[in-house]
Amino acid sequence: MKRLAVVAAVVFAVALGFVASPANAGGGFNKGNCTFNGKKLYGRIQEVTIFPDVKVKVVPSLADVKVKKVTGFANTCGRWQMVTSFADTRVQFVTIFPDVTIEYVNPSPGAN
């Protein structure tokens, strides 16, 4: 009976680990690289409604990343060239449970 209790406890702990860790499986938000789970938070960005790489919430201040929409040269953190295909990263705009928060700015895009 003790052995069954130990096995059940181990199975529960392993299952809890799988449930609790998917958001950080690829590393989560990385300020230094300006990525979320390895997906760039700059470059060619496509807005989608299903299967996003990153769920984003727009906030008025204290965001993870300050974003500036550009038409070209989106090669540094926070510079987003919005596209409809061939994106580097697909984002879904949400109001609850975001992976990353962004703030739209004109000057000085980048990670906070």
PDB file of N, CA and C in Angstrom:
ATOM      1  N   MET A   1       0.815  -1.181   0.000  1.00  0.00           N
ATOM      2  CA  MET A   1       0.000   0.000   0.000  1.00  0.00           C
ATOM      3  C   MET A   1       0.867   1.256   0.000  1.00  0.00           C
ATOM      4  N   LYS A   2       1.973   1.232   0.777  1.00  0.00           N
ATOM      5  CA  LYS A   2       2.873   2.375   0.804  1.00  0.00           C
ATOM      6  C   LYS A   2       3.466   2.630  -0.572  1.00  0.00           C
ATOM      7  N   ARG A   3       3.808   1.547  -1.236  1.00  0.00           N
ATOM      8  CA  ARG A   3       4.418   1.665  -2.566  1.00  0.00           C
ATOM      9  C   ARG A   3       3.450   2.341  -3.538  1.00  0.00           C
ATOM     10  N   LEU A   4       2.184   1.996  -3.482  1.00  0.00           N
ATOM     11  CA  LEU A   4       1.166   2.604  -4.337  1.00  0.00           C
ATOM     12  C   LEU A   4       1.035   4.099  -4.042  1.00  0.00           C
ATOM     13  N   ALA A   5       1.100   4.468  -2.768  1.00  0.00           N
ATOM     14  CA  ALA A   5       1.016   5.884  -2.392  1.00  0.00           C
ATOM     15  C   ALA A   5       2.220   6.656  -2.929  1.00  0.00           C
ATOM     16  N   VAL A   6       3.402   6.067  -2.878  1.00  0.00           N
ATOM     17  CA  VAL A   6       4.614   6.723  -3.391  1.00  0.00           C
ATOM     18  C   VAL A   6       4.517   6.886  -4.904  1.00  0.00           C
ATOM     19  N   VAL A   7       4.073   5.847  -5.590  1.00  0.00           N
ATOM     20  CA  VAL A   7       3.924   5.920  -7.046  1.00  0.00           C
ATOM     21  C   VAL A   7       2.896   6.986  -7.413  1.00  0.00           C
ATOM     22  N   ALA A   8       1.797   7.042  -6.709  1.00  0.00           N
ATOM     23  CA  ALA A   8       0.762   8.049  -6.978  1.00  0.00           C
ATOM     24  C   ALA A   8       1.308   9.458  -6.745  1.00  0.00           C
ATOM     25  N   ALA A   9       2.098   9.642  -5.699  1.00  0.00           N
ATOM     26  CA  ALA A   9       2.684  10.955  -5.417  1.00  0.00           C
ATOM     27  C   ALA A   9       3.656  11.372  -6.515  1.00  0.00           C
ATOM     28  N   VAL A  10       4.451  10.447  -7.005  1.00  0.00           N
ATOM     29  CA  VAL A  10       5.400  10.757  -8.083  1.00  0.00           C
ATOM     30  C   VAL A  10       4.654  11.097  -9.365  1.00  0.00           C
ATOM     31  N   VAL A  11       3.648  10.327  -9.704  1.00  0.00           N
ATOM     32  CA  VAL A  11       2.852  10.597 -10.906  1.00  0.00           C
ATOM     33  C   VAL A  11       2.187  11.964 -10.795  1.00  0.00           C
ATOM     34  N   PHE A  12       1.646  12.285  -9.631  1.00  0.00           N
ATOM     35  CA  PHE A  12       1.008  13.587  -9.423  1.00  0.00           C
ATOM     36  C   PHE A  12       2.024  14.722  -9.584  1.00  0.00           C
ATOM     37  N   ALA A  13       3.203  14.573  -9.008  1.00  0.00           N
ATOM     38  CA  ALA A  13       4.237  15.613  -9.099  1.00  0.00           C
ATOM     39  C   ALA A  13       4.685  15.820 -10.542  1.00  0.00           C
ATOM     40  N   VAL A  14       4.852  14.736 -11.284  1.00  0.00           N
ATOM     41  CA  VAL A  14       5.243  14.846 -12.687  1.00  0.00           C
ATOM     42  C   VAL A  14       4.139  15.517 -13.492  1.00  0.00           C
ATOM     43  N   ALA A  15       2.901  15.121 -13.279  1.00  0.00           N
ATOM     44  CA  ALA A  15       1.776  15.736 -13.989  1.00  0.00           C
ATOM     45  C   ALA A  15       1.665  17.213 -13.654  1.00  0.00           C
ATOM     46  N   LEU A  16       1.842  17.565 -12.393  1.00  0.00           N
ATOM     47  CA  LEU A  16       1.791  18.964 -11.984  1.00  0.00           C
ATOM     48  C   LEU A  16       2.895  19.760 -12.666  1.00  0.00           C
ATOM     49  N   GLY A  17       4.055  19.190 -12.810  1.00  0.00           N
ATOM     50  CA  GLY A  17       5.159  19.860 -13.499  1.00  0.00           C
ATOM     51  C   GLY A  17       4.828  20.138 -14.948  1.00  0.00           C
ATOM     52  N   PHE A  18       4.184  19.205 -15.627  1.00  0.00           N
ATOM     53  CA  PHE A  18       3.812  19.417 -17.024  1.00  0.00           C
ATOM     54  C   PHE A  18       2.736  20.479 -17.152  1.00  0.00           C
ATOM     55  N   VAL A  19       1.809  20.526 -16.220  1.00  0.00           N
ATOM     56  CA  VAL A  19       0.735  21.511 -16.276  1.00  0.00           C
ATOM     57  C   VAL A  19       1.263  22.898 -15.947  1.00  0.00           C
ATOM     58  N   ALA A  20       2.165  23.009 -15.006  1.00  0.00           N
ATOM     59  CA  ALA A  20       2.622  24.310 -14.538  1.00  0.00           C
ATOM     60  C   ALA A  20       3.674  24.948 -15.419  1.00  0.00           C
ATOM     61  N   SER A  21       4.335  24.177 -16.296  1.00  0.00           N
ATOM     62  CA  SER A  21       5.484  24.736 -16.991  1.00  0.00           C
ATOM     63  C   SER A  21       5.362  25.019 -18.476  1.00  0.00           C
ATOM     64  N   PRO A  22       4.243  24.811 -19.181  1.00  0.00           N
ATOM     65  CA  PRO A  22       4.252  25.022 -20.613  1.00  0.00           C
ATOM     66  C   PRO A  22       4.577  26.448 -21.032  1.00  0.00           C
ATOM     67  N   ALA A  23       4.175  27.438 -20.275  1.00  0.00           N
ATOM     68  CA  ALA A  23       4.435  28.815 -20.679  1.00  0.00           C
ATOM     69  C   ALA A  23       5.921  29.117 -20.702  1.00  0.00           C
ATOM     70  N   ASN A  24       6.696  28.491 -19.852  1.00  0.00           N
ATOM     71  CA  ASN A  24       8.122  28.745 -19.798  1.00  0.00           C
ATOM     72  C   ASN A  24       8.937  27.657 -20.485  1.00  0.00           C
ATOM     73  N   ALA A  25       8.290  26.785 -21.220  1.00  0.00           N
ATOM     74  CA  ALA A  25       8.994  25.677 -21.846  1.00  0.00           C
ATOM     75  C   ALA A  25      10.103  26.158 -22.766  1.00  0.00           C
ATOM     76  N   GLY A  26       9.887  27.258 -23.477  1.00  0.00           N
ATOM     77  CA  GLY A  26      10.908  27.776 -24.372  1.00  0.00           C
ATOM     78  C   GLY A  26      11.669  28.942 -23.785  1.00  0.00           C
ATOM     79  N   GLY A  27      11.432  29.275 -22.526  1.00  0.00           N
ATOM     80  CA  GLY A  27      12.187  30.314 -21.878  1.00  0.00           C
ATOM     81  C   GLY A  27      11.397  31.557 -21.524  1.00  0.00           C
ATOM     82  N   GLY A  28      10.164  31.732 -22.010  1.00  0.00           N
ATOM     83  CA  GLY A  28       9.388  32.919 -21.689  1.00  0.00           C
ATOM     84  C   GLY A  28       9.969  34.176 -22.319  1.00  0.00           C
ATOM     85  N   PHE A  29       9.691  35.327 -21.688  1.00  0.00           N
ATOM     86  CA  PHE A  29      10.151  36.612 -22.197  1.00  0.00           C
ATOM     87  C   PHE A  29      11.637  36.797 -21.877  1.00  0.00           C
ATOM     88  N   ASN A  30      12.429  37.092 -22.897  1.00  0.00           N
ATOM     89  CA  ASN A  30      13.854  37.343 -22.731  1.00  0.00           C
ATOM     90  C   ASN A  30      14.131  38.777 -23.145  1.00  0.00           C
ATOM     91  N   LYS A  31      14.336  39.642 -22.169  1.00  0.00           N
ATOM     92  CA  LYS A  31      14.544  41.065 -22.420  1.00  0.00           C
ATOM     93  C   LYS A  31      15.823  41.310 -23.223  1.00  0.00           C
ATOM     94  N   GLY A  32      16.876  40.602 -22.921  1.00  0.00           N
ATOM     95  CA  GLY A  32      18.156  40.803 -23.592  1.00  0.00           C
ATOM     96  C   GLY A  32      18.114  40.497 -25.081  1.00  0.00           C
ATOM     97  N   ASN A  33      17.401  39.441 -25.452  1.00  0.00           N
ATOM     98  CA  ASN A  33      17.285  39.056 -26.860  1.00  0.00           C
ATOM     99  C   ASN A  33      16.037  39.596 -27.519  1.00  0.00           C
ATOM    100  N   CYS A  34      15.157  40.210 -26.730  1.00  0.00           N
ATOM    101  CA  CYS A  34      13.876  40.728 -27.211  1.00  0.00           C
ATOM    102  C   CYS A  34      13.085  39.615 -27.894  1.00  0.00           C
ATOM    103  N   THR A  35      12.897  38.516 -27.144  1.00  0.00           N
ATOM    104  CA  THR A  35      12.167  37.361 -27.666  1.00  0.00           C
ATOM    105  C   THR A  35      11.199  36.839 -26.609  1.00  0.00           C
ATOM    106  N   PHE A  36      10.234  36.062 -27.078  1.00  0.00           N
ATOM    107  CA  PHE A  36       9.367  35.303 -26.196  1.00  0.00           C
ATOM    108  C   PHE A  36       9.380  33.874 -26.703  1.00  0.00           C
ATOM    109  N   ASN A  37       9.835  32.955 -25.864  1.00  0.00           N
ATOM    110  CA  ASN A  37       9.978  31.546 -26.257  1.00  0.00           C
ATOM    111  C   ASN A  37      10.711  31.404 -27.588  1.00  0.00           C
ATOM    112  N   GLY A  38      11.724  32.230 -27.793  1.00  0.00           N
ATOM    113  CA  GLY A  38      12.540  32.156 -28.997  1.00  0.00           C
ATOM    114  C   GLY A  38      11.999  32.909 -30.198  1.00  0.00           C
ATOM    115  N   LYS A  39      10.800  33.451 -30.101  1.00  0.00           N
ATOM    116  CA  LYS A  39      10.201  34.214 -31.207  1.00  0.00           C
ATOM    117  C   LYS A  39      10.538  35.685 -31.041  1.00  0.00           C
ATOM    118  N   LYS A  40      11.028  36.309 -32.094  1.00  0.00           N
ATOM    119  CA  LYS A  40      11.451  37.699 -32.056  1.00  0.00           C
ATOM    120  C   LYS A  40      10.272  38.642 -31.808  1.00  0.00           C
ATOM    121  N   LEU A  41      10.516  39.653 -30.988  1.00  0.00           N
ATOM    122  CA  LEU A  41       9.530  40.700 -30.747  1.00  0.00           C
ATOM    123  C   LEU A  41       9.924  41.939 -31.546  1.00  0.00           C
ATOM    124  N   TYR A  42      10.395  41.697 -32.736  1.00  0.00           N
ATOM    125  CA  TYR A  42      10.740  42.726 -33.718  1.00  0.00           C
ATOM    126  C   TYR A  42      10.758  42.048 -35.077  1.00  0.00           C
ATOM    127  N   GLY A  43      10.772  42.849 -36.119  1.00  0.00           N
ATOM    128  CA  GLY A  43      10.790  42.274 -37.463  1.00  0.00           C
ATOM    129  C   GLY A  43       9.418  42.283 -38.099  1.00  0.00           C
ATOM    130  N   ARG A  44       9.191  41.278 -38.935  1.00  0.00           N
ATOM    131  CA  ARG A  44       7.925  41.149 -39.662  1.00  0.00           C
ATOM    132  C   ARG A  44       6.912  40.468 -38.745  1.00  0.00           C
ATOM    133  N   ILE A  45       5.857  41.211 -38.365  1.00  0.00           N
ATOM    134  CA  ILE A  45       4.858  40.746 -37.401  1.00  0.00           C
ATOM    135  C   ILE A  45       3.505  40.613 -38.093  1.00  0.00           C
ATOM    136  N   GLN A  46       2.861  39.455 -37.887  1.00  0.00           N
ATOM    137  CA  GLN A  46       1.542  39.221 -38.472  1.00  0.00           C
ATOM    138  C   GLN A  46       0.518  39.062 -37.351  1.00  0.00           C
ATOM    139  N   GLU A  47      -0.587  39.787 -37.448  1.00  0.00           N
ATOM    140  CA  GLU A  47      -1.674  39.635 -36.486  1.00  0.00           C
ATOM    141  C   GLU A  47      -2.537  38.451 -36.908  1.00  0.00           C
ATOM    142  N   VAL A  48      -2.798  37.539 -35.967  1.00  0.00           N
ATOM    143  CA  VAL A  48      -3.627  36.367 -36.224  1.00  0.00           C
ATOM    144  C   VAL A  48      -4.666  36.238 -35.122  1.00  0.00           C
ATOM    145  N   THR A  49      -5.681  35.423 -35.370  1.00  0.00           N
ATOM    146  CA  THR A  49      -6.704  35.174 -34.349  1.00  0.00           C
ATOM    147  C   THR A  49      -6.589  33.779 -33.749  1.00  0.00           C
ATOM    148  N   ILE A  50      -5.859  32.876 -34.431  1.00  0.00           N
ATOM    149  CA  ILE A  50      -5.629  31.537 -33.898  1.00  0.00           C
ATOM    150  C   ILE A  50      -4.172  31.154 -34.097  1.00  0.00           C
ATOM    151  N   PHE A  51      -3.686  30.277 -33.267  1.00  0.00           N
ATOM    152  CA  PHE A  51      -2.330  29.739 -33.319  1.00  0.00           C
ATOM    153  C   PHE A  51      -1.242  30.823 -33.338  1.00  0.00           C
ATOM    154  N   PRO A  52      -1.261  31.731 -32.356  1.00  0.00           N
ATOM    155  CA  PRO A  52      -0.213  32.750 -32.314  1.00  0.00           C
ATOM    156  C   PRO A  52       1.082  32.190 -31.732  1.00  0.00           C
ATOM    157  N   ASP A  53       2.175  32.849 -32.055  1.00  0.00           N
ATOM    158  CA  ASP A  53       3.447  32.555 -31.393  1.00  0.00           C
ATOM    159  C   ASP A  53       3.476  33.244 -30.034  1.00  0.00           C
ATOM    160  N   VAL A  54       2.858  34.439 -29.982  1.00  0.00           N
ATOM    161  CA  VAL A  54       2.868  35.255 -28.772  1.00  0.00           C
ATOM    162  C   VAL A  54       1.505  35.920 -28.606  1.00  0.00           C
ATOM    163  N   LYS A  55       0.978  35.893 -27.376  1.00  0.00           N
ATOM    164  CA  LYS A  55      -0.246  36.626 -27.056  1.00  0.00           C
ATOM    165  C   LYS A  55       0.173  37.961 -26.452  1.00  0.00           C
ATOM    166  N   VAL A  56      -0.348  39.056 -27.028  1.00  0.00           N
ATOM    167  CA  VAL A  56       0.098  40.397 -26.682  1.00  0.00           C
ATOM    168  C   VAL A  56      -1.069  41.231 -26.170  1.00  0.00           C
ATOM    169  N   LYS A  57      -0.803  42.006 -25.129  1.00  0.00           N
ATOM    170  CA  LYS A  57      -1.792  42.963 -24.628  1.00  0.00           C
ATOM    171  C   LYS A  57      -1.196  44.361 -24.754  1.00  0.00           C
ATOM    172  N   VAL A  58      -1.954  45.287 -25.330  1.00  0.00           N
ATOM    173  CA  VAL A  58      -1.521  46.675 -25.458  1.00  0.00           C
ATOM    174  C   VAL A  58      -1.896  47.395 -24.166  1.00  0.00           C
ATOM    175  N   VAL A  59      -0.916  48.042 -23.545  1.00  0.00           N
ATOM    176  CA  VAL A  59      -1.132  48.778 -22.303  1.00  0.00           C
ATOM    177  C   VAL A  59      -0.649  50.215 -22.481  1.00  0.00           C
ATOM    178  N   PRO A  60      -1.144  51.148 -21.660  1.00  0.00           N
ATOM    179  CA  PRO A  60      -0.746  52.547 -21.820  1.00  0.00           C
ATOM    180  C   PRO A  60       0.640  52.869 -21.248  1.00  0.00           C
ATOM    181  N   SER A  61       1.130  52.042 -20.319  1.00  0.00           N
ATOM    182  CA  SER A  61       2.447  52.296 -19.732  1.00  0.00           C
ATOM    183  C   SER A  61       2.961  51.038 -19.052  1.00  0.00           C
ATOM    184  N   LEU A  62       4.234  51.067 -18.671  1.00  0.00           N
ATOM    185  CA  LEU A  62       4.885  49.961 -17.967  1.00  0.00           C
ATOM    186  C   LEU A  62       4.805  48.640 -18.731  1.00  0.00           C
ATOM    187  N   ALA A  63       5.012  48.699 -20.034  1.00  0.00           N
ATOM    188  CA  ALA A  63       4.960  47.503 -20.880  1.00  0.00           C
ATOM    189  C   ALA A  63       6.295  46.772 -20.865  1.00  0.00           C
ATOM    190  N   ASP A  64       6.265  45.497 -21.272  1.00  0.00           N
ATOM    191  CA  ASP A  64       7.497  44.736 -21.434  1.00  0.00           C
ATOM    192  C   ASP A  64       8.318  45.285 -22.604  1.00  0.00           C
ATOM    193  N   VAL A  65       7.610  45.635 -23.692  1.00  0.00           N
ATOM    194  CA  VAL A  65       8.280  46.115 -24.904  1.00  0.00           C
ATOM    195  C   VAL A  65       7.564  47.361 -25.414  1.00  0.00           C
ATOM    196  N   LYS A  66       8.344  48.380 -25.736  1.00  0.00           N
ATOM    197  CA  LYS A  66       7.806  49.572 -26.396  1.00  0.00           C
ATOM    198  C   LYS A  66       7.910  49.329 -27.892  1.00  0.00           C
ATOM    199  N   VAL A  67       6.786  49.465 -28.605  1.00  0.00           N
ATOM    200  CA  VAL A  67       6.708  49.097 -30.014  1.00  0.00           C
ATOM    201  C   VAL A  67       6.485  50.327 -30.887  1.00  0.00           C
ATOM    202  N   LYS A  68       7.227  50.377 -31.970  1.00  0.00           N
ATOM    203  CA  LYS A  68       7.030  51.396 -32.995  1.00  0.00           C
ATOM    204  C   LYS A  68       6.742  50.668 -34.296  1.00  0.00           C
ATOM    205  N   LYS A  69       5.598  50.984 -34.924  1.00  0.00           N
ATOM    206  CA  LYS A  69       5.274  50.391 -36.225  1.00  0.00           C
ATOM    207  C   LYS A  69       6.091  51.100 -37.295  1.00  0.00           C
ATOM    208  N   VAL A  70       6.761  50.316 -38.132  1.00  0.00           N
ATOM    209  CA  VAL A  70       7.604  50.858 -39.194  1.00  0.00           C
ATOM    210  C   VAL A  70       7.244  50.194 -40.511  1.00  0.00           C
ATOM    211  N   THR A  71       7.705  50.784 -41.605  1.00  0.00           N
ATOM    212  CA  THR A  71       7.448  50.193 -42.925  1.00  0.00           C
ATOM    213  C   THR A  71       8.663  49.450 -43.454  1.00  0.00           C
ATOM    214  N   GLY A  72       9.774  49.553 -42.789  1.00  0.00           N
ATOM    215  CA  GLY A  72      10.985  48.846 -43.189  1.00  0.00           C
ATOM    216  C   GLY A  72      12.026  48.920 -42.088  1.00  0.00           C
ATOM    217  N   PHE A  73      13.093  48.180 -42.241  1.00  0.00           N
ATOM    218  CA  PHE A  73      14.199  48.168 -41.280  1.00  0.00           C
ATOM    219  C   PHE A  73      13.736  47.845 -39.865  1.00  0.00           C
ATOM    220  N   ALA A  74      12.934  46.822 -39.750  1.00  0.00           N
ATOM    221  CA  ALA A  74      12.444  46.374 -38.450  1.00  0.00           C
ATOM    222  C   ALA A  74      13.435  45.372 -37.866  1.00  0.00           C
ATOM    223  N   ASN A  75      14.650  45.847 -37.626  1.00  0.00           N
ATOM    224  CA  ASN A  75      15.726  44.934 -37.254  1.00  0.00           C
ATOM    225  C   ASN A  75      16.234  45.127 -35.828  1.00  0.00           C
ATOM    226  N   THR A  76      15.541  45.925 -35.016  1.00  0.00           N
ATOM    227  CA  THR A  76      15.914  46.070 -33.614  1.00  0.00           C
ATOM    228  C   THR A  76      14.674  45.914 -32.741  1.00  0.00           C
ATOM    229  N   CYS A  77      14.917  45.677 -31.467  1.00  0.00           N
ATOM    230  CA  CYS A  77      13.841  45.387 -30.518  1.00  0.00           C
ATOM    231  C   CYS A  77      12.750  46.443 -30.542  1.00  0.00           C
ATOM    232  N   GLY A  78      11.492  45.986 -30.696  1.00  0.00           N
ATOM    233  CA  GLY A  78      10.346  46.869 -30.643  1.00  0.00           C
ATOM    234  C   GLY A  78       9.945  47.487 -31.968  1.00  0.00           C
ATOM    235  N   ARG A  79      10.711  47.276 -33.012  1.00  0.00           N
ATOM    236  CA  ARG A  79      10.347  47.813 -34.331  1.00  0.00           C
ATOM    237  C   ARG A  79       9.566  46.730 -35.074  1.00  0.00           C
ATOM    238  N   TRP A  80       8.276  47.007 -35.325  1.00  0.00           N
ATOM    239  CA  TRP A  80       7.378  46.030 -35.944  1.00  0.00           C
ATOM    240  C   TRP A  80       6.961  46.491 -37.321  1.00  0.00           C
ATOM    241  N   GLN A  81       7.207  45.641 -38.303  1.00  0.00           N
ATOM    242  CA  GLN A  81       6.679  45.850 -39.657  1.00  0.00           C
ATOM    243  C   GLN A  81       5.488  44.903 -39.787  1.00  0.00           C
ATOM    244  N   MET A  82       4.288  45.449 -39.796  1.00  0.00           N
ATOM    245  CA  MET A  82       3.084  44.627 -39.844  1.00  0.00           C
ATOM    246  C   MET A  82       2.903  44.072 -41.255  1.00  0.00           C
ATOM    247  N   VAL A  83       2.737  42.747 -41.364  1.00  0.00           N
ATOM    248  CA  VAL A  83       2.611  42.065 -42.647  1.00  0.00           C
ATOM    249  C   VAL A  83       1.424  41.115 -42.605  1.00  0.00           C
ATOM    250  N   THR A  84       1.023  40.629 -43.773  1.00  0.00           N
ATOM    251  CA  THR A  84      -0.071  39.658 -43.844  1.00  0.00           C
ATOM    252  C   THR A  84       0.411  38.258 -44.189  1.00  0.00           C
ATOM    253  N   SER A  85       1.701  38.123 -44.499  1.00  0.00           N
ATOM    254  CA  SER A  85       2.273  36.806 -44.781  1.00  0.00           C
ATOM    255  C   SER A  85       3.782  36.841 -44.593  1.00  0.00           C
ATOM    256  N   PHE A  86       4.383  35.677 -44.531  1.00  0.00           N
ATOM    257  CA  PHE A  86       5.832  35.520 -44.384  1.00  0.00           C
ATOM    258  C   PHE A  86       6.359  36.262 -43.157  1.00  0.00           C
ATOM    259  N   ALA A  87       5.677  36.082 -42.039  1.00  0.00           N
ATOM    260  CA  ALA A  87       6.030  36.775 -40.800  1.00  0.00           C
ATOM    261  C   ALA A  87       7.149  36.057 -40.059  1.00  0.00           C
ATOM    262  N   ASP A  88       7.904  36.833 -39.294  1.00  0.00           N
ATOM    263  CA  ASP A  88       8.874  36.267 -38.352  1.00  0.00           C
ATOM    264  C   ASP A  88       8.132  35.754 -37.119  1.00  0.00           C
ATOM    265  N   THR A  89       7.107  36.508 -36.711  1.00  0.00           N
ATOM    266  CA  THR A  89       6.345  36.184 -35.508  1.00  0.00           C
ATOM    267  C   THR A  89       4.872  36.485 -35.744  1.00  0.00           C
ATOM    268  N   ARG A  90       4.007  35.569 -35.271  1.00  0.00           N
ATOM    269  CA  ARG A  90       2.558  35.772 -35.348  1.00  0.00           C
ATOM    270  C   ARG A  90       2.060  36.147 -33.958  1.00  0.00           C
ATOM    271  N   VAL A  91       1.328  37.260 -33.864  1.00  0.00           N
ATOM    272  CA  VAL A  91       0.822  37.717 -32.571  1.00  0.00           C
ATOM    273  C   VAL A  91      -0.696  37.747 -32.568  1.00  0.00           C
ATOM    274  N   GLN A  92      -1.260  37.481 -31.402  1.00  0.00           N
ATOM    275  CA  GLN A  92      -2.694  37.622 -31.184  1.00  0.00           C
ATOM    276  C   GLN A  92      -2.870  38.665 -30.094  1.00  0.00           C
ATOM    277  N   PHE A  93      -3.668  39.682 -30.371  1.00  0.00           N
ATOM    278  CA  PHE A  93      -3.938  40.716 -29.390  1.00  0.00           C
ATOM    279  C   PHE A  93      -5.044  40.237 -28.460  1.00  0.00           C
ATOM    280  N   VAL A  94      -4.766  40.263 -27.161  1.00  0.00           N
ATOM    281  CA  VAL A  94      -5.701  39.772 -26.153  1.00  0.00           C
ATOM    282  C   VAL A  94      -5.895  40.839 -25.076  1.00  0.00           C
ATOM    283  N   THR A  95      -6.936  40.675 -24.274  1.00  0.00           N
ATOM    284  CA  THR A  95      -7.166  41.593 -23.166  1.00  0.00           C
ATOM    285  C   THR A  95      -6.856  40.947 -21.816  1.00  0.00           C
ATOM    286  N   ILE A  96      -6.809  39.603 -21.787  1.00  0.00           N
ATOM    287  CA  ILE A  96      -6.452  38.902 -20.552  1.00  0.00           C
ATOM    288  C   ILE A  96      -5.431  37.818 -20.859  1.00  0.00           C
ATOM    289  N   PHE A  97      -4.643  37.481 -19.879  1.00  0.00           N
ATOM    290  CA  PHE A  97      -3.631  36.422 -19.945  1.00  0.00           C
ATOM    291  C   PHE A  97      -2.645  36.592 -21.106  1.00  0.00           C
ATOM    292  N   PRO A  98      -2.006  37.758 -21.227  1.00  0.00           N
ATOM    293  CA  PRO A  98      -1.007  37.927 -22.292  1.00  0.00           C
ATOM    294  C   PRO A  98       0.308  37.251 -21.927  1.00  0.00           C
ATOM    295  N   ASP A  99       1.082  36.932 -22.946  1.00  0.00           N
ATOM    296  CA  ASP A  99       2.458  36.473 -22.734  1.00  0.00           C
ATOM    297  C   ASP A  99       3.362  37.679 -22.523  1.00  0.00           C
ATOM    298  N   VAL A 100       3.084  38.754 -23.274  1.00  0.00           N
ATOM    299  CA  VAL A 100       3.905  39.961 -23.262  1.00  0.00           C
ATOM    300  C   VAL A 100       2.984  41.170 -23.354  1.00  0.00           C
ATOM    301  N   THR A 101       3.357  42.252 -22.678  1.00  0.00           N
ATOM    302  CA  THR A 101       2.616  43.506 -22.825  1.00  0.00           C
ATOM    303  C   THR A 101       3.446  44.456 -23.685  1.00  0.00           C
ATOM    304  N   ILE A 102       2.728  45.259 -24.507  1.00  0.00           N
ATOM    305  CA  ILE A 102       3.407  46.234 -25.349  1.00  0.00           C
ATOM    306  C   ILE A 102       2.766  47.605 -25.165  1.00  0.00           C
ATOM    307  N   GLU A 103       3.550  48.612 -25.470  1.00  0.00           N
ATOM    308  CA  GLU A 103       3.083  49.993 -25.462  1.00  0.00           C
ATOM    309  C   GLU A 103       3.515  50.602 -26.786  1.00  0.00           C
ATOM    310  N   TYR A 104       2.583  51.202 -27.517  1.00  0.00           N
ATOM    311  CA  TYR A 104       2.946  51.847 -28.766  1.00  0.00           C
ATOM    312  C   TYR A 104       3.620  53.174 -28.478  1.00  0.00           C
ATOM    313  N   VAL A 105       4.764  53.409 -29.106  1.00  0.00           N
ATOM    314  CA  VAL A 105       5.513  54.656 -28.937  1.00  0.00           C
ATOM    315  C   VAL A 105       5.964  55.142 -30.298  1.00  0.00           C
ATOM    316  N   ASN A 106       6.323  56.397 -30.375  1.00  0.00           N
ATOM    317  CA  ASN A 106       6.893  56.916 -31.619  1.00  0.00           C
ATOM    318  C   ASN A 106       8.416  56.916 -31.540  1.00  0.00           C
ATOM    319  N   PRO A 107       8.991  57.574 -30.538  1.00  0.00           N
ATOM    320  CA  PRO A 107      10.446  57.446 -30.402  1.00  0.00           C
ATOM    321  C   PRO A 107      10.794  56.305 -29.443  1.00  0.00           C
ATOM    322  N   SER A 108      11.999  55.869 -29.484  1.00  0.00           N
ATOM    323  CA  SER A 108      12.578  54.937 -28.508  1.00  0.00           C
ATOM    324  C   SER A 108      11.857  53.612 -28.318  1.00  0.00           C
ATOM    325  N   PRO A 109      11.699  52.802 -29.371  1.00  0.00           N
ATOM    326  CA  PRO A 109      11.165  51.464 -29.162  1.00  0.00           C
ATOM    327  C   PRO A 109      12.217  50.585 -28.480  1.00  0.00           C
ATOM    328  N   GLY A 110      11.785  49.506 -27.855  1.00  0.00           N
ATOM    329  CA  GLY A 110      12.716  48.565 -27.238  1.00  0.00           C
ATOM    330  C   GLY A 110      12.123  47.936 -25.998  1.00  0.00           C
ATOM    331  N   ALA A 111      12.911  47.058 -25.373  1.00  0.00           N
ATOM    332  CA  ALA A 111      12.461  46.363 -24.159  1.00  0.00           C
ATOM    333  C   ALA A 111      12.648  47.254 -22.941  1.00  0.00           C
ATOM    334  N   ASN A 112      11.709  47.169 -22.008  1.00  0.00           N
ATOM    335  CA  ASN A 112      11.813  47.924 -20.751  1.00  0.00           C
ATOM    336  C   ASN A 112      12.571  47.124 -19.724  1.00  0.00           C
TER     337      ASN A 112
END
